[in-house]
Structures are given as C-alpha cells and as structure tokens.
Amino acid sequence: MKNIRAYLSVLAVGSAMAAVGEPLRMVSYNVHHCAGMDKKVDCARTAAAISREKPDFVGIQEVDRDVRRSDHVDQPAELARLTGMHATFAKAIPLRGGEYGVAVLSRENPLSVRRTPLPGPEPRVLLLCEFTNCWFGSTHLDSGKRPGDVESCHVLSARIIRDEVAKCAAEKPVFLAGDWNAVPGSPAHKEMCSFLKVVSDEKKPANGNLRHVIDYLAVDAAHAKDFRVLSAEVTLDLMTSDHKPVVVSVERVR
C-alpha cells in the first residue's frame, strides 16, 4: 500500500510540474445565445470564432439549452461538437421551454464540477470546473436592468464567488472568465479584485455598445504570482455576437 501511495504521489508531482513553462490559452465570451449582429442564430459561426483562438478553456455566458428562440438546440453540446471540446453547462434560469446560463468548454474533461446560484433581479450562476492542474470557471453578473438593487446584488454575488473560489484555490489555481457587468473601479469590480487578479486587458471593451470594460479573465490572488501573462487581447470579431471574445495566454512560472 505504501508503495502504491508513493507512486501516486510521484505521478501527482509530475503532472503539476508539467504545467510549469507551458502556455495556457483562455477565452471569455458572451455569445448572446449564438445570435449575431445580423440577428441570425448560428452555432457554427460562434464555434468558428472560438476555434480560431485555439483555446484550452472557454468561459461562455448567455448560452441557451433547448430554448425556443434558438430552435431548441442544446447550444453547449453543439459548440462542444463543433470545436472538438468538452462542454459543461450551468443553468441560471428557465427560459422559453428550456434553460439559459453559462458554460465552460475545455480540452480536458472536468474532474469535478461546482454550480453555485447567484442573486439578482434575474438570478445568475457561478460554474467552476476542476481539471488536472487548475480550476476554470464562468459567470455572468446581473445586467442592471433594475438599477435600484443591482449594485448590492453584484457585491453580494462577488462575496459568494469569493467564498467558492477560496475553497477551490486551496487545492489548485482558479481562473475565472465572466461578464461582470461592472466597469473598472466600480464597487462590484473592487469586490471581485479583492480576491482575483485580472489578467485580461482592462482598457479594451469587448461589448461593442460600451466604452468601458465589463468582460474579464482573472486568476485567484493567491496564485497570481505563479503566472506570467504572455498576451491579452480582444478580437476584432464584430458580427458573431454583441460581445467580442476576450483572449488571454498565460505561462506558469513556478
């Protein structure tokens, strides 16, 4: 038994060490239920936009599953099929005969999954997926259509996310993609940045209708020094969604 435990321990160390020096490419993408600026719902077009970036992980927001407006397509499953990745979905709300929420696409099949409801005038959800060398997640905070209470919901959501991230970060680095619906310097942004380090470009908006950034990729603060940002960009795709993909490559340095 001792020999088996020692062997497994060596394997675990080797797996962790293999990640050092290897680039990790991530995308955060609000896909607008695969509806482009031409109002056509087209999963193939969305999948092509994702595949062009050659990501290891994609955090998706505003995705439908079996909803009437998107022809009852299981969009996470279809995007996974078209990109050759694995899909994990988390429902935020029921919608028009189906479900609406966030998803994670990954090269590796998740080892475990955590889905956590978030408050808001329109309820939201946090999705965290465990992989061999890290956790990767996706979330989407309320859009603020009811201004009187959205800021307090944002801050409360951020605190729930903080607690969930802390549980996962005790074991492995945690990367979080998301449409926070919060501009840099806002109370919600400050709350999120109290436990996360943003690695995406906070000067380049991904939402074509806004002048300020609301889409982010971040790593938990406890592991931020373990990674170096190789590149951070927002693509020039102006048609596939009302948001553009936010793309970041990082390298583990220790």
C-alpha atoms as a PDB file:
ATOM      1  CA  MET A   1       0.000   0.000   0.000  1.00  0.00           C
ATOM      2  CA  LYS A   2       2.848   2.407   0.884  1.00  0.00           C
ATOM      3  CA  ASN A   3       4.481   1.739  -2.498  1.00  0.00           C
ATOM      4  CA  ILE A   4       1.214   2.494  -4.314  1.00  0.00           C
ATOM      5  CA  ARG A   5       0.786   5.766  -2.399  1.00  0.00           C
ATOM      6  CA  ALA A   6       4.361   6.766  -3.161  1.00  0.00           C
ATOM      7  CA  TYR A   7       3.852   6.001  -6.854  1.00  0.00           C
ATOM      8  CA  LEU A   8       0.659   8.074  -6.970  1.00  0.00           C
ATOM      9  CA  SER A   9       2.439  10.911  -5.196  1.00  0.00           C
ATOM     10  CA  VAL A  10       5.195  10.919  -7.817  1.00  0.00           C
ATOM     11  CA  LEU A  11       2.613  10.970 -10.591  1.00  0.00           C
ATOM     12  CA  ALA A  12       0.838  13.935  -8.987  1.00  0.00           C
ATOM     13  CA  VAL A  13       4.065  15.927  -8.690  1.00  0.00           C
ATOM     14  CA  GLY A  14       4.997  15.117 -12.276  1.00  0.00           C
ATOM     15  CA  SER A  15       1.605  16.279 -13.506  1.00  0.00           C
ATOM     16  CA  ALA A  16       1.897  19.577 -11.639  1.00  0.00           C
ATOM     17  CA  MET A  17       5.469  20.146 -12.829  1.00  0.00           C
ATOM     18  CA  ALA A  18       4.451  19.505 -16.430  1.00  0.00           C
ATOM     19  CA  ALA A  19       2.307  22.646 -16.319  1.00  0.00           C
ATOM     20  CA  VAL A  20       5.253  24.911 -15.453  1.00  0.00           C
ATOM     21  CA  GLY A  21       6.513  26.703 -18.570  1.00  0.00           C
ATOM     22  CA  GLU A  22       3.602  25.553 -20.718  1.00  0.00           C
ATOM     23  CA  PRO A  23       1.298  28.283 -22.108  1.00  0.00           C
ATOM     24  CA  LEU A  24      -2.392  28.187 -21.249  1.00  0.00           C
ATOM     25  CA  ARG A  25      -4.811  29.920 -23.618  1.00  0.00           C
ATOM     26  CA  MET A  26      -8.186  31.047 -22.308  1.00  0.00           C
ATOM     27  CA  VAL A  27     -11.233  32.850 -23.707  1.00  0.00           C
ATOM     28  CA  SER A  28     -14.118  34.665 -22.063  1.00  0.00           C
ATOM     29  CA  TYR A  29     -17.022  35.045 -24.468  1.00  0.00           C
ATOM     30  CA  ASN A  30     -20.565  36.344 -24.065  1.00  0.00           C
ATOM     31  CA  VAL A  31     -22.066  34.568 -27.072  1.00  0.00           C
ATOM     32  CA  HIS A  32     -25.526  36.219 -26.949  1.00  0.00           C
ATOM     33  CA  HIS A  33     -27.198  32.794 -27.436  1.00  0.00           C
ATOM     34  CA  CYS A  34     -25.199  32.485 -30.697  1.00  0.00           C
ATOM     35  CA  ALA A  35     -27.209  35.350 -32.208  1.00  0.00           C
ATOM     36  CA  GLY A  36     -25.033  37.631 -34.322  1.00  0.00           C
ATOM     37  CA  MET A  37     -25.410  41.319 -35.046  1.00  0.00           C
ATOM     38  CA  ASP A  38     -27.406  40.278 -38.098  1.00  0.00           C
ATOM     39  CA  LYS A  39     -29.875  38.632 -35.641  1.00  0.00           C
ATOM     40  CA  LYS A  40     -29.174  35.158 -37.063  1.00  0.00           C
ATOM     41  CA  VAL A  41     -28.714  32.367 -34.525  1.00  0.00           C
ATOM     42  CA  ASP A  42     -25.749  30.387 -35.812  1.00  0.00           C
ATOM     43  CA  CYS A  43     -23.840  27.961 -33.578  1.00  0.00           C
ATOM     44  CA  ALA A  44     -21.407  27.137 -36.373  1.00  0.00           C
ATOM     45  CA  ARG A  45     -20.360  30.772 -36.658  1.00  0.00           C
ATOM     46  CA  THR A  46     -19.874  31.028 -32.887  1.00  0.00           C
ATOM     47  CA  ALA A  47     -17.882  27.784 -32.854  1.00  0.00           C
ATOM     48  CA  ALA A  48     -15.652  29.088 -35.658  1.00  0.00           C
ATOM     49  CA  ALA A  49     -14.945  32.270 -33.672  1.00  0.00           C
ATOM     50  CA  ILE A  50     -13.919  30.121 -30.709  1.00  0.00           C
ATOM     51  CA  SER A  51     -11.834  27.669 -32.729  1.00  0.00           C
ATOM     52  CA  ARG A  52      -9.836  30.480 -34.335  1.00  0.00           C
ATOM     53  CA  GLU A  53      -8.354  31.259 -30.924  1.00  0.00           C
ATOM     54  CA  LYS A  54      -7.189  27.656 -30.301  1.00  0.00           C
ATOM     55  CA  PRO A  55      -8.138  27.834 -26.599  1.00  0.00           C
ATOM     56  CA  ASP A  56      -7.589  25.339 -23.809  1.00  0.00           C
ATOM     57  CA  PHE A  57     -10.556  26.760 -21.889  1.00  0.00           C
ATOM     58  CA  VAL A  58     -13.523  28.937 -22.823  1.00  0.00           C
ATOM     59  CA  GLY A  59     -15.858  30.591 -20.349  1.00  0.00           C
ATOM     60  CA  ILE A  60     -19.181  31.211 -22.096  1.00  0.00           C
ATOM     61  CA  GLN A  61     -22.001  33.483 -20.982  1.00  0.00           C
ATOM     62  CA  GLU A  62     -25.566  33.883 -22.302  1.00  0.00           C
ATOM     63  CA  VAL A  63     -25.941  30.412 -23.746  1.00  0.00           C
ATOM     64  CA  ASP A  64     -29.232  28.551 -24.396  1.00  0.00           C
ATOM     65  CA  ARG A  65     -30.138  24.926 -23.985  1.00  0.00           C
ATOM     66  CA  ASP A  66     -33.365  23.717 -25.637  1.00  0.00           C
ATOM     67  CA  VAL A  67     -34.815  27.267 -25.794  1.00  0.00           C
ATOM     68  CA  ARG A  68     -37.442  28.132 -28.401  1.00  0.00           C
ATOM     69  CA  ARG A  69     -35.664  31.259 -29.652  1.00  0.00           C
ATOM     70  CA  SER A  70     -32.637  29.147 -30.607  1.00  0.00           C
ATOM     71  CA  ASP A  71     -34.649  26.311 -32.204  1.00  0.00           C
ATOM     72  CA  HIS A  72     -34.430  24.089 -29.107  1.00  0.00           C
ATOM     73  CA  VAL A  73     -30.729  23.420 -29.756  1.00  0.00           C
ATOM     74  CA  ASP A  74     -28.512  22.308 -26.888  1.00  0.00           C
ATOM     75  CA  GLN A  75     -26.026  25.065 -27.636  1.00  0.00           C
ATOM     76  CA  PRO A  76     -23.258  23.986 -25.189  1.00  0.00           C
ATOM     77  CA  ALA A  77     -23.325  20.467 -26.635  1.00  0.00           C
ATOM     78  CA  GLU A  78     -23.365  21.780 -30.206  1.00  0.00           C
ATOM     79  CA  LEU A  79     -20.480  24.172 -29.566  1.00  0.00           C
ATOM     80  CA  ALA A  80     -18.539  21.301 -27.994  1.00  0.00           C
ATOM     81  CA  ARG A  81     -19.187  19.090 -31.017  1.00  0.00           C
ATOM     82  CA  LEU A  82     -18.138  21.779 -33.490  1.00  0.00           C
ATOM     83  CA  THR A  83     -14.990  22.800 -31.596  1.00  0.00           C
ATOM     84  CA  GLY A  84     -13.935  19.312 -30.525  1.00  0.00           C
ATOM     85  CA  MET A  85     -14.062  20.296 -26.857  1.00  0.00           C
ATOM     86  CA  HIS A  86     -15.959  19.141 -23.766  1.00  0.00           C
ATOM     87  CA  ALA A  87     -18.965  21.194 -22.605  1.00  0.00           C
ATOM     88  CA  THR A  88     -20.169  21.782 -19.043  1.00  0.00           C
ATOM     89  CA  PHE A  89     -23.363  23.813 -18.564  1.00  0.00           C
ATOM     90  CA  ALA A  90     -24.877  25.580 -15.552  1.00  0.00           C
ATOM     91  CA  LYS A  91     -28.463  26.844 -15.623  1.00  0.00           C
ATOM     92  CA  ALA A  92     -29.165  30.325 -14.315  1.00  0.00           C
ATOM     93  CA  ILE A  93     -32.883  30.491 -15.174  1.00  0.00           C
ATOM     94  CA  PRO A  94     -35.552  28.546 -17.059  1.00  0.00           C
ATOM     95  CA  LEU A  95     -36.325  30.279 -20.357  1.00  0.00           C
ATOM     96  CA  ARG A  96     -38.955  29.705 -23.050  1.00  0.00           C
ATOM     97  CA  GLY A  97     -39.185  25.970 -22.680  1.00  0.00           C
ATOM     98  CA  GLY A  98     -35.508  25.439 -21.949  1.00  0.00           C
ATOM     99  CA  GLU A  99     -32.601  26.731 -19.889  1.00  0.00           C
ATOM    100  CA  TYR A 100     -30.304  29.758 -20.029  1.00  0.00           C
ATOM    101  CA  GLY A 101     -26.972  30.187 -18.292  1.00  0.00           C
ATOM    102  CA  VAL A 102     -23.215  29.830 -18.607  1.00  0.00           C
ATOM    103  CA  ALA A 103     -20.872  27.101 -19.811  1.00  0.00           C
ATOM    104  CA  VAL A 104     -17.259  26.012 -19.900  1.00  0.00           C
ATOM    105  CA  LEU A 105     -15.640  24.454 -22.960  1.00  0.00           C
ATOM    106  CA  SER A 106     -12.420  22.549 -22.242  1.00  0.00           C
ATOM    107  CA  ARG A 107      -9.887  20.320 -23.942  1.00  0.00           C
ATOM    108  CA  GLU A 108      -9.841  18.122 -20.854  1.00  0.00           C
ATOM    109  CA  ASN A 109     -12.925  16.515 -19.380  1.00  0.00           C
ATOM    110  CA  PRO A 110     -13.626  18.039 -15.927  1.00  0.00           C
ATOM    111  CA  LEU A 111     -12.688  16.010 -12.858  1.00  0.00           C
ATOM    112  CA  SER A 112     -15.438  17.667 -10.820  1.00  0.00           C
ATOM    113  CA  VAL A 113     -17.964  20.492 -11.182  1.00  0.00           C
ATOM    114  CA  ARG A 114     -19.384  23.093  -8.796  1.00  0.00           C
ATOM    115  CA  ARG A 115     -22.548  25.073  -9.647  1.00  0.00           C
ATOM    116  CA  THR A 116     -23.490  27.916  -7.284  1.00  0.00           C
ATOM    117  CA  PRO A 117     -26.623  30.095  -7.621  1.00  0.00           C
ATOM    118  CA  LEU A 118     -26.100  33.866  -7.502  1.00  0.00           C
ATOM    119  CA  PRO A 119     -28.681  36.515  -6.535  1.00  0.00           C
ATOM    120  CA  GLY A 120     -30.104  39.275  -8.688  1.00  0.00           C
ATOM    121  CA  PRO A 121     -33.295  40.658 -10.213  1.00  0.00           C
ATOM    122  CA  GLU A 122     -32.537  37.983 -12.811  1.00  0.00           C
ATOM    123  CA  PRO A 123     -30.811  35.115 -10.936  1.00  0.00           C
ATOM    124  CA  ARG A 124     -27.384  34.110 -12.186  1.00  0.00           C
ATOM    125  CA  VAL A 125     -24.936  31.262 -11.566  1.00  0.00           C
ATOM    126  CA  LEU A 126     -21.266  30.540 -10.971  1.00  0.00           C
ATOM    127  CA  LEU A 127     -19.779  27.496 -12.726  1.00  0.00           C
ATOM    128  CA  LEU A 128     -16.401  26.127 -11.616  1.00  0.00           C
ATOM    129  CA  CYS A 129     -14.808  23.065 -13.234  1.00  0.00           C
ATOM    130  CA  GLU A 130     -11.823  21.190 -11.839  1.00  0.00           C
ATOM    131  CA  PHE A 131      -9.053  19.987 -14.149  1.00  0.00           C
ATOM    132  CA  THR A 132      -5.700  18.281 -13.623  1.00  0.00           C
ATOM    133  CA  ASN A 133      -3.701  21.456 -12.993  1.00  0.00           C
ATOM    134  CA  CYS A 134      -6.297  24.136 -12.274  1.00  0.00           C
ATOM    135  CA  TRP A 135      -9.923  25.144 -11.862  1.00  0.00           C
ATOM    136  CA  PHE A 136     -11.605  27.153 -14.612  1.00  0.00           C
ATOM    137  CA  GLY A 137     -14.965  28.858 -14.340  1.00  0.00           C
ATOM    138  CA  SER A 138     -17.531  31.119 -15.944  1.00  0.00           C
ATOM    139  CA  THR A 139     -20.050  33.558 -14.509  1.00  0.00           C
ATOM    140  CA  HIS A 140     -22.304  36.421 -15.561  1.00  0.00           C
ATOM    141  CA  LEU A 141     -23.494  39.016 -13.072  1.00  0.00           C
ATOM    142  CA  ASP A 142     -26.889  40.696 -13.429  1.00  0.00           C
ATOM    143  CA  SER A 143     -27.178  43.272 -16.203  1.00  0.00           C
ATOM    144  CA  GLY A 144     -28.576  46.065 -14.029  1.00  0.00           C
ATOM    145  CA  LYS A 145     -31.953  46.475 -15.697  1.00  0.00           C
ATOM    146  CA  ARG A 146     -33.289  47.362 -12.233  1.00  0.00           C
ATOM    147  CA  PRO A 147     -30.714  49.956 -11.102  1.00  0.00           C
ATOM    148  CA  GLY A 148     -32.110  50.315  -7.591  1.00  0.00           C
ATOM    149  CA  ASP A 149     -30.782  46.980  -6.367  1.00  0.00           C
ATOM    150  CA  VAL A 150     -28.316  45.648  -8.912  1.00  0.00           C
ATOM    151  CA  GLU A 151     -25.189  47.081  -7.249  1.00  0.00           C
ATOM    152  CA  SER A 152     -25.964  45.420  -3.932  1.00  0.00           C
ATOM    153  CA  CYS A 153     -26.649  42.147  -5.774  1.00  0.00           C
ATOM    154  CA  HIS A 154     -23.332  42.491  -7.603  1.00  0.00           C
ATOM    155  CA  VAL A 155     -21.422  42.931  -4.360  1.00  0.00           C
ATOM    156  CA  LEU A 156     -23.289  40.064  -2.704  1.00  0.00           C
ATOM    157  CA  SER A 157     -22.600  37.863  -5.745  1.00  0.00           C
ATOM    158  CA  ALA A 158     -18.923  38.801  -5.596  1.00  0.00           C
ATOM    159  CA  ARG A 159     -18.749  37.692  -1.973  1.00  0.00           C
ATOM    160  CA  ILE A 160     -20.384  34.357  -2.792  1.00  0.00           C
ATOM    161  CA  ILE A 161     -17.910  33.911  -5.650  1.00  0.00           C
ATOM    162  CA  ARG A 162     -15.058  34.800  -3.284  1.00  0.00           C
ATOM    163  CA  ASP A 163     -16.020  32.021  -0.892  1.00  0.00           C
ATOM    164  CA  GLU A 164     -16.354  29.448  -3.672  1.00  0.00           C
ATOM    165  CA  VAL A 165     -13.060  30.444  -5.276  1.00  0.00           C
ATOM    166  CA  ALA A 166     -11.306  30.211  -1.903  1.00  0.00           C
ATOM    167  CA  LYS A 167     -12.430  26.603  -1.484  1.00  0.00           C
ATOM    168  CA  CYS A 168     -11.007  25.652  -4.876  1.00  0.00           C
ATOM    169  CA  ALA A 169      -7.847  27.776  -4.613  1.00  0.00           C
ATOM    170  CA  ALA A 170      -6.822  25.849  -1.526  1.00  0.00           C
ATOM    171  CA  GLU A 171      -6.027  22.976  -3.924  1.00  0.00           C
ATOM    172  CA  LYS A 172      -5.211  24.490  -7.333  1.00  0.00           C
ATOM    173  CA  PRO A 173      -5.099  27.818  -9.190  1.00  0.00           C
ATOM    174  CA  VAL A 174      -8.523  29.146 -10.158  1.00  0.00           C
ATOM    175  CA  PHE A 175      -9.161  31.028 -13.405  1.00  0.00           C
ATOM    176  CA  LEU A 176     -12.479  32.807 -13.816  1.00  0.00           C
ATOM    177  CA  ALA A 177     -13.991  34.133 -17.042  1.00  0.00           C
ATOM    178  CA  GLY A 178     -17.010  36.338 -16.976  1.00  0.00           C
ATOM    179  CA  ASP A 179     -19.214  39.204 -17.977  1.00  0.00           C
ATOM    180  CA  TRP A 180     -19.253  41.029 -14.644  1.00  0.00           C
ATOM    181  CA  ASN A 181     -21.437  43.890 -15.900  1.00  0.00           C
ATOM    182  CA  ALA A 182     -19.146  46.059 -13.768  1.00  0.00           C
ATOM    183  CA  VAL A 183     -16.686  48.644 -15.052  1.00  0.00           C
ATOM    184  CA  PRO A 184     -13.189  49.028 -13.586  1.00  0.00           C
ATOM    185  CA  GLY A 185     -13.314  50.946 -10.315  1.00  0.00           C
ATOM    186  CA  SER A 186     -16.975  50.181  -9.578  1.00  0.00           C
ATOM    187  CA  PRO A 187     -17.907  48.667  -6.174  1.00  0.00           C
ATOM    188  CA  ALA A 188     -18.506  45.238  -7.727  1.00  0.00           C
ATOM    189  CA  HIS A 189     -15.215  45.370  -9.638  1.00  0.00           C
ATOM    190  CA  LYS A 190     -13.348  46.344  -6.464  1.00  0.00           C
ATOM    191  CA  GLU A 191     -15.011  43.486  -4.581  1.00  0.00           C
ATOM    192  CA  MET A 192     -14.057  40.962  -7.267  1.00  0.00           C
ATOM    193  CA  CYS A 193     -10.492  42.288  -7.378  1.00  0.00           C
ATOM    194  CA  SER A 194     -10.147  41.816  -3.620  1.00  0.00           C
ATOM    195  CA  PHE A 195      -9.640  38.090  -4.280  1.00  0.00           C
ATOM    196  CA  LEU A 196      -8.918  37.935  -8.022  1.00  0.00           C
ATOM    197  CA  LYS A 197      -6.169  39.359 -10.219  1.00  0.00           C
ATOM    198  CA  VAL A 198      -7.446  40.451 -13.636  1.00  0.00           C
ATOM    199  CA  VAL A 199      -5.196  39.148 -16.421  1.00  0.00           C
ATOM    200  CA  SER A 200      -7.224  40.429 -19.397  1.00  0.00           C
ATOM    201  CA  ASP A 201      -6.877  43.920 -20.876  1.00  0.00           C
ATOM    202  CA  GLU A 202      -8.994  46.349 -18.834  1.00  0.00           C
ATOM    203  CA  LYS A 203      -8.670  49.110 -21.433  1.00  0.00           C
ATOM    204  CA  LYS A 204     -10.228  47.312 -24.408  1.00  0.00           C
ATOM    205  CA  PRO A 205     -14.026  46.842 -24.180  1.00  0.00           C
ATOM    206  CA  ALA A 206     -15.413  43.638 -25.654  1.00  0.00           C
ATOM    207  CA  ASN A 207     -19.002  44.895 -25.765  1.00  0.00           C
ATOM    208  CA  GLY A 208     -19.445  46.998 -28.875  1.00  0.00           C
ATOM    209  CA  ASN A 209     -22.161  49.077 -27.208  1.00  0.00           C
ATOM    210  CA  LEU A 210     -19.976  50.232 -24.307  1.00  0.00           C
ATOM    211  CA  ARG A 211     -16.885  52.368 -23.878  1.00  0.00           C
ATOM    212  CA  HIS A 212     -15.816  50.579 -20.714  1.00  0.00           C
ATOM    213  CA  VAL A 213     -14.724  47.013 -19.999  1.00  0.00           C
ATOM    214  CA  ILE A 214     -17.216  44.615 -18.393  1.00  0.00           C
ATOM    215  CA  ASP A 215     -15.768  41.288 -19.652  1.00  0.00           C
ATOM    216  CA  TYR A 216     -12.847  39.781 -17.756  1.00  0.00           C
ATOM    217  CA  LEU A 217     -10.454  36.892 -17.293  1.00  0.00           C
ATOM    218  CA  ALA A 218      -8.853  36.606 -13.857  1.00  0.00           C
ATOM    219  CA  VAL A 219      -6.819  34.281 -11.627  1.00  0.00           C
ATOM    220  CA  ASP A 220      -7.227  33.897  -7.878  1.00  0.00           C
ATOM    221  CA  ALA A 221      -4.975  36.312  -5.989  1.00  0.00           C
ATOM    222  CA  ALA A 222      -3.231  33.556  -4.036  1.00  0.00           C
ATOM    223  CA  HIS A 223      -1.818  32.090  -7.267  1.00  0.00           C
ATOM    224  CA  ALA A 224      -1.381  35.284  -9.299  1.00  0.00           C
ATOM    225  CA  LYS A 225       2.416  35.325  -8.827  1.00  0.00           C
ATOM    226  CA  ASP A 226       2.627  31.794 -10.225  1.00  0.00           C
ATOM    227  CA  PHE A 227       1.651  33.005 -13.716  1.00  0.00           C
ATOM    228  CA  ARG A 228       3.001  35.420 -16.285  1.00  0.00           C
ATOM    229  CA  VAL A 229       0.704  36.965 -18.893  1.00  0.00           C
ATOM    230  CA  LEU A 230       2.027  36.278 -22.391  1.00  0.00           C
ATOM    231  CA  SER A 231      -0.740  38.099 -24.270  1.00  0.00           C
ATOM    232  CA  ALA A 232      -4.089  39.746 -23.572  1.00  0.00           C
ATOM    233  CA  GLU A 233      -6.325  40.841 -26.413  1.00  0.00           C
ATOM    234  CA  VAL A 234      -9.861  41.428 -27.603  1.00  0.00           C
ATOM    235  CA  THR A 235     -10.582  40.066 -31.070  1.00  0.00           C
ATOM    236  CA  LEU A 236     -11.894  42.189 -33.921  1.00  0.00           C
ATOM    237  CA  ASP A 237     -14.974  39.995 -34.474  1.00  0.00           C
ATOM    238  CA  LEU A 238     -17.833  42.493 -34.804  1.00  0.00           C
ATOM    239  CA  MET A 239     -20.531  40.184 -36.188  1.00  0.00           C
ATOM    240  CA  THR A 240     -20.739  36.882 -34.267  1.00  0.00           C
ATOM    241  CA  SER A 241     -22.131  38.348 -31.012  1.00  0.00           C
ATOM    242  CA  ASP A 242     -22.750  41.714 -29.376  1.00  0.00           C
ATOM    243  CA  HIS A 243     -19.563  40.948 -27.387  1.00  0.00           C
ATOM    244  CA  LYS A 244     -16.150  40.067 -28.788  1.00  0.00           C
ATOM    245  CA  PRO A 245     -14.013  37.199 -27.448  1.00  0.00           C
ATOM    246  CA  VAL A 246     -11.568  38.203 -24.709  1.00  0.00           C
ATOM    247  CA  VAL A 247      -8.413  36.113 -25.160  1.00  0.00           C
ATOM    248  CA  VAL A 248      -5.517  35.633 -22.715  1.00  0.00           C
ATOM    249  CA  SER A 249      -2.439  33.401 -22.777  1.00  0.00           C
ATOM    250  CA  VAL A 250      -0.533  32.808 -19.545  1.00  0.00           C
ATOM    251  CA  GLU A 251       2.524  30.802 -18.605  1.00  0.00           C
ATOM    252  CA  ARG A 252       3.099  29.128 -15.270  1.00  0.00           C
ATOM    253  CA  VAL A 253       6.446  30.273 -13.858  1.00  0.00           C
ATOM    254  CA  ARG A 254       6.503  28.251 -10.625  1.00  0.00           C
END
